[in-house]
Amino acid sequence: MIFKKALLYVSAVSALAAAAVVVVVALAFALYAAVLPLVGPAWAAASVAARPRG
């Protein structure tokens, strides 16, 4: 009983983590699509790939 509940919690957390990864990738594609007409493909890709300094 306890093992089953623990397994369900682990699977729920992993499902939420997978959903978060999907959201981050979708936001990256949306940022690329939004910036592409303004600056071109190279700079749009750079804006998605750039990481903040600090």
PDB file of N, CA and C in Angstrom:
ATOM      1  N   MET A   1       0.814  -1.194   0.000  1.00  0.00           N
ATOM      2  CA  MET A   1       0.000   0.000   0.000  1.00  0.00           C
ATOM      3  C   MET A   1       0.862   1.264   0.000  1.00  0.00           C
ATOM      4  N   ILE A   2       1.844   1.326   0.899  1.00  0.00           N
ATOM      5  CA  ILE A   2       2.710   2.497   0.979  1.00  0.00           C
ATOM      6  C   ILE A   2       3.582   2.589  -0.269  1.00  0.00           C
ATOM      7  N   PHE A   3       4.086   1.442  -0.733  1.00  0.00           N
ATOM      8  CA  PHE A   3       4.925   1.440  -1.931  1.00  0.00           C
ATOM      9  C   PHE A   3       4.135   1.912  -3.143  1.00  0.00           C
ATOM     10  N   LYS A   4       2.890   1.501  -3.241  1.00  0.00           N
ATOM     11  CA  LYS A   4       2.061   1.906  -4.376  1.00  0.00           C
ATOM     12  C   LYS A   4       1.832   3.417  -4.362  1.00  0.00           C
ATOM     13  N   LYS A   5       1.583   3.968  -3.188  1.00  0.00           N
ATOM     14  CA  LYS A   5       1.365   5.409  -3.082  1.00  0.00           C
ATOM     15  C   LYS A   5       2.649   6.172  -3.416  1.00  0.00           C
ATOM     16  N   ALA A   6       3.785   5.681  -2.949  1.00  0.00           N
ATOM     17  CA  ALA A   6       5.062   6.320  -3.254  1.00  0.00           C
ATOM     18  C   ALA A   6       5.353   6.261  -4.742  1.00  0.00           C
ATOM     19  N   LEU A   7       5.040   5.128  -5.355  1.00  0.00           N
ATOM     20  CA  LEU A   7       5.248   4.997  -6.794  1.00  0.00           C
ATOM     21  C   LEU A   7       4.354   5.954  -7.573  1.00  0.00           C
ATOM     22  N   LEU A   8       3.136   6.148  -7.114  1.00  0.00           N
ATOM     23  CA  LEU A   8       2.236   7.097  -7.767  1.00  0.00           C
ATOM     24  C   LEU A   8       2.755   8.529  -7.639  1.00  0.00           C
ATOM     25  N   TYR A   9       3.297   8.880  -6.475  1.00  0.00           N
ATOM     26  CA  TYR A   9       3.865  10.214  -6.297  1.00  0.00           C
ATOM     27  C   TYR A   9       5.068  10.428  -7.214  1.00  0.00           C
ATOM     28  N   VAL A  10       5.917   9.428  -7.324  1.00  0.00           N
ATOM     29  CA  VAL A  10       7.090   9.541  -8.191  1.00  0.00           C
ATOM     30  C   VAL A  10       6.667   9.695  -9.643  1.00  0.00           C
ATOM     31  N   SER A  11       5.682   8.939 -10.066  1.00  0.00           N
ATOM     32  CA  SER A  11       5.226   9.051 -11.453  1.00  0.00           C
ATOM     33  C   SER A  11       4.547  10.392 -11.705  1.00  0.00           C
ATOM     34  N   ALA A  12       3.843  10.923 -10.716  1.00  0.00           N
ATOM     35  CA  ALA A  12       3.214  12.236 -10.879  1.00  0.00           C
ATOM     36  C   ALA A  12       4.258  13.340 -10.998  1.00  0.00           C
ATOM     37  N   VAL A  13       5.285  13.270 -10.185  1.00  0.00           N
ATOM     38  CA  VAL A  13       6.345  14.276 -10.250  1.00  0.00           C
ATOM     39  C   VAL A  13       7.085  14.194 -11.576  1.00  0.00           C
ATOM     40  N   SER A  14       7.350  12.989 -12.055  1.00  0.00           N
ATOM     41  CA  SER A  14       8.041  12.858 -13.335  1.00  0.00           C
ATOM     42  C   SER A  14       7.161  13.326 -14.490  1.00  0.00           C
ATOM     43  N   ALA A  15       5.858  13.130 -14.396  1.00  0.00           N
ATOM     44  CA  ALA A  15       4.959  13.635 -15.435  1.00  0.00           C
ATOM     45  C   ALA A  15       4.935  15.155 -15.439  1.00  0.00           C
ATOM     46  N   LEU A  16       4.935  15.765 -14.266  1.00  0.00           N
ATOM     47  CA  LEU A  16       4.984  17.227 -14.198  1.00  0.00           C
ATOM     48  C   LEU A  16       6.306  17.765 -14.738  1.00  0.00           C
ATOM     49  N   ALA A  17       7.399  17.077 -14.469  1.00  0.00           N
ATOM     50  CA  ALA A  17       8.690  17.504 -14.996  1.00  0.00           C
ATOM     51  C   ALA A  17       8.718  17.403 -16.516  1.00  0.00           C
ATOM     52  N   ALA A  18       8.159  16.348 -17.060  1.00  0.00           N
ATOM     53  CA  ALA A  18       8.099  16.205 -18.517  1.00  0.00           C
ATOM     54  C   ALA A  18       7.232  17.290 -19.136  1.00  0.00           C
ATOM     55  N   ALA A  19       6.134  17.630 -18.487  1.00  0.00           N
ATOM     56  CA  ALA A  19       5.277  18.702 -18.993  1.00  0.00           C
ATOM     57  C   ALA A  19       5.999  20.044 -18.953  1.00  0.00           C
ATOM     58  N   ALA A  20       6.795  20.274 -17.928  1.00  0.00           N
ATOM     59  CA  ALA A  20       7.559  21.514 -17.841  1.00  0.00           C
ATOM     60  C   ALA A  20       8.585  21.605 -18.962  1.00  0.00           C
ATOM     61  N   VAL A  21       9.214  20.498 -19.297  1.00  0.00           N
ATOM     62  CA  VAL A  21      10.173  20.484 -20.405  1.00  0.00           C
ATOM     63  C   VAL A  21       9.471  20.804 -21.715  1.00  0.00           C
ATOM     64  N   VAL A  22       8.302  20.250 -21.923  1.00  0.00           N
ATOM     65  CA  VAL A  22       7.544  20.525 -23.146  1.00  0.00           C
ATOM     66  C   VAL A  22       7.186  22.004 -23.230  1.00  0.00           C
ATOM     67  N   VAL A  23       6.806  22.604 -22.116  1.00  0.00           N
ATOM     68  CA  VAL A  23       6.464  24.027 -22.104  1.00  0.00           C
ATOM     69  C   VAL A  23       7.683  24.882 -22.424  1.00  0.00           C
ATOM     70  N   VAL A  24       8.834  24.548 -21.884  1.00  0.00           N
ATOM     71  CA  VAL A  24      10.044  25.321 -22.148  1.00  0.00           C
ATOM     72  C   VAL A  24      10.424  25.238 -23.619  1.00  0.00           C
ATOM     73  N   VAL A  25      10.334  24.068 -24.209  1.00  0.00           N
ATOM     74  CA  VAL A  25      10.652  23.917 -25.633  1.00  0.00           C
ATOM     75  C   VAL A  25       9.650  24.684 -26.484  1.00  0.00           C
ATOM     76  N   ALA A  26       8.375  24.641 -26.125  1.00  0.00           N
ATOM     77  CA  ALA A  26       7.361  25.387 -26.870  1.00  0.00           C
ATOM     78  C   ALA A  26       7.607  26.889 -26.776  1.00  0.00           C
ATOM     79  N   LEU A  27       8.012  27.368 -25.610  1.00  0.00           N
ATOM     80  CA  LEU A  27       8.327  28.787 -25.470  1.00  0.00           C
ATOM     81  C   LEU A  27       9.546  29.179 -26.295  1.00  0.00           C
ATOM     82  N   ALA A  28      10.517  28.293 -26.403  1.00  0.00           N
ATOM     83  CA  ALA A  28      11.680  28.576 -27.238  1.00  0.00           C
ATOM     84  C   ALA A  28      11.281  28.689 -28.703  1.00  0.00           C
ATOM     85  N   PHE A  29      10.428  27.794 -29.173  1.00  0.00           N
ATOM     86  CA  PHE A  29       9.947  27.886 -30.551  1.00  0.00           C
ATOM     87  C   PHE A  29       9.135  29.158 -30.765  1.00  0.00           C
ATOM     88  N   ALA A  30       8.323  29.535 -29.789  1.00  0.00           N
ATOM     89  CA  ALA A  30       7.518  30.752 -29.914  1.00  0.00           C
ATOM     90  C   ALA A  30       8.403  31.991 -29.959  1.00  0.00           C
ATOM     91  N   LEU A  31       9.438  32.022 -29.138  1.00  0.00           N
ATOM     92  CA  LEU A  31      10.373  33.149 -29.169  1.00  0.00           C
ATOM     93  C   LEU A  31      11.074  33.231 -30.513  1.00  0.00           C
ATOM     94  N   TYR A  32      11.519  32.099 -31.032  1.00  0.00           N
ATOM     95  CA  TYR A  32      12.168  32.078 -32.343  1.00  0.00           C
ATOM     96  C   TYR A  32      11.223  32.596 -33.424  1.00  0.00           C
ATOM     97  N   ALA A  33       9.975  32.134 -33.412  1.00  0.00           N
ATOM     98  CA  ALA A  33       9.007  32.557 -34.424  1.00  0.00           C
ATOM     99  C   ALA A  33       8.674  34.036 -34.293  1.00  0.00           C
ATOM    100  N   ALA A  34       8.679  34.562 -33.079  1.00  0.00           N
ATOM    101  CA  ALA A  34       8.362  35.974 -32.885  1.00  0.00           C
ATOM    102  C   ALA A  34       9.495  36.883 -33.339  1.00  0.00           C
ATOM    103  N   VAL A  35      10.725  36.457 -33.152  1.00  0.00           N
ATOM    104  CA  VAL A  35      11.880  37.303 -33.462  1.00  0.00           C
ATOM    105  C   VAL A  35      12.328  37.139 -34.913  1.00  0.00           C
ATOM    106  N   LEU A  36      12.001  36.029 -35.529  1.00  0.00           N
ATOM    107  CA  LEU A  36      12.477  35.718 -36.882  1.00  0.00           C
ATOM    108  C   LEU A  36      12.187  36.810 -37.909  1.00  0.00           C
ATOM    109  N   PRO A  37      10.982  37.346 -38.022  1.00  0.00           N
ATOM    110  CA  PRO A  37      10.749  38.372 -39.046  1.00  0.00           C
ATOM    111  C   PRO A  37      11.504  39.673 -38.792  1.00  0.00           C
ATOM    112  N   LEU A  38      11.859  39.930 -37.559  1.00  0.00           N
ATOM    113  CA  LEU A  38      12.513  41.191 -37.225  1.00  0.00           C
ATOM    114  C   LEU A  38      14.007  41.176 -37.509  1.00  0.00           C
ATOM    115  N   VAL A  39      14.673  40.064 -37.208  1.00  0.00           N
ATOM    116  CA  VAL A  39      16.137  40.066 -37.257  1.00  0.00           C
ATOM    117  C   VAL A  39      16.732  39.000 -38.163  1.00  0.00           C
ATOM    118  N   GLY A  40      15.946  38.093 -38.673  1.00  0.00           N
ATOM    119  CA  GLY A  40      16.468  37.047 -39.543  1.00  0.00           C
ATOM    120  C   GLY A  40      16.765  35.771 -38.777  1.00  0.00           C
ATOM    121  N   PRO A  41      17.068  34.705 -39.533  1.00  0.00           N
ATOM    122  CA  PRO A  41      17.209  33.395 -38.890  1.00  0.00           C
ATOM    123  C   PRO A  41      18.415  33.260 -37.960  1.00  0.00           C
ATOM    124  N   ALA A  42      19.532  33.862 -38.321  1.00  0.00           N
ATOM    125  CA  ALA A  42      20.724  33.697 -37.487  1.00  0.00           C
ATOM    126  C   ALA A  42      20.563  34.379 -36.131  1.00  0.00           C
ATOM    127  N   TRP A  43      20.084  35.620 -36.141  1.00  0.00           N
ATOM    128  CA  TRP A  43      19.910  36.338 -34.882  1.00  0.00           C
ATOM    129  C   TRP A  43      18.754  35.778 -34.070  1.00  0.00           C
ATOM    130  N   ALA A  44      17.731  35.260 -34.744  1.00  0.00           N
ATOM    131  CA  ALA A  44      16.626  34.638 -34.015  1.00  0.00           C
ATOM    132  C   ALA A  44      17.108  33.391 -33.280  1.00  0.00           C
ATOM    133  N   ALA A  45      17.929  32.598 -33.955  1.00  0.00           N
ATOM    134  CA  ALA A  45      18.484  31.414 -33.300  1.00  0.00           C
ATOM    135  C   ALA A  45      19.407  31.808 -32.152  1.00  0.00           C
ATOM    136  N   ALA A  46      20.163  32.886 -32.344  1.00  0.00           N
ATOM    137  CA  ALA A  46      21.047  33.347 -31.273  1.00  0.00           C
ATOM    138  C   ALA A  46      20.254  33.852 -30.074  1.00  0.00           C
ATOM    139  N   SER A  47      19.116  34.475 -30.330  1.00  0.00           N
ATOM    140  CA  SER A  47      18.315  34.972 -29.204  1.00  0.00           C
ATOM    141  C   SER A  47      17.717  33.828 -28.401  1.00  0.00           C
ATOM    142  N   VAL A  48      17.415  32.727 -29.054  1.00  0.00           N
ATOM    143  CA  VAL A  48      16.884  31.567 -28.340  1.00  0.00           C
ATOM    144  C   VAL A  48      18.005  30.843 -27.597  1.00  0.00           C
ATOM    145  N   ALA A  49      19.174  30.767 -28.205  1.00  0.00           N
ATOM    146  CA  ALA A  49      20.273  29.998 -27.621  1.00  0.00           C
ATOM    147  C   ALA A  49      21.040  30.770 -26.555  1.00  0.00           C
ATOM    148  N   ALA A  50      20.906  32.096 -26.530  1.00  0.00           N
ATOM    149  CA  ALA A  50      21.681  32.898 -25.585  1.00  0.00           C
ATOM    150  C   ALA A  50      21.230  32.626 -24.161  1.00  0.00           C
ATOM    151  N   ARG A  51      22.200  32.584 -23.269  1.00  0.00           N
ATOM    152  CA  ARG A  51      21.873  32.419 -21.856  1.00  0.00           C
ATOM    153  C   ARG A  51      22.273  33.692 -21.121  1.00  0.00           C
ATOM    154  N   PRO A  52      21.537  34.056 -20.111  1.00  0.00           N
ATOM    155  CA  PRO A  52      21.850  35.291 -19.385  1.00  0.00           C
ATOM    156  C   PRO A  52      23.144  35.155 -18.596  1.00  0.00           C
ATOM    157  N   ARG A  53      23.872  36.239 -18.521  1.00  0.00           N
ATOM    158  CA  ARG A  53      25.108  36.242 -17.740  1.00  0.00           C
ATOM    159  C   ARG A  53      24.794  36.596 -16.303  1.00  0.00           C
ATOM    160  N   GLY A  54      25.591  36.044 -15.426  1.00  0.00           N
ATOM    161  CA  GLY A  54      25.404  36.440 -14.037  1.00  0.00           C
ATOM    162  C   GLY A  54      25.539  35.375 -13.062  1.00  0.00           C
TER     163      GLY A  54
END
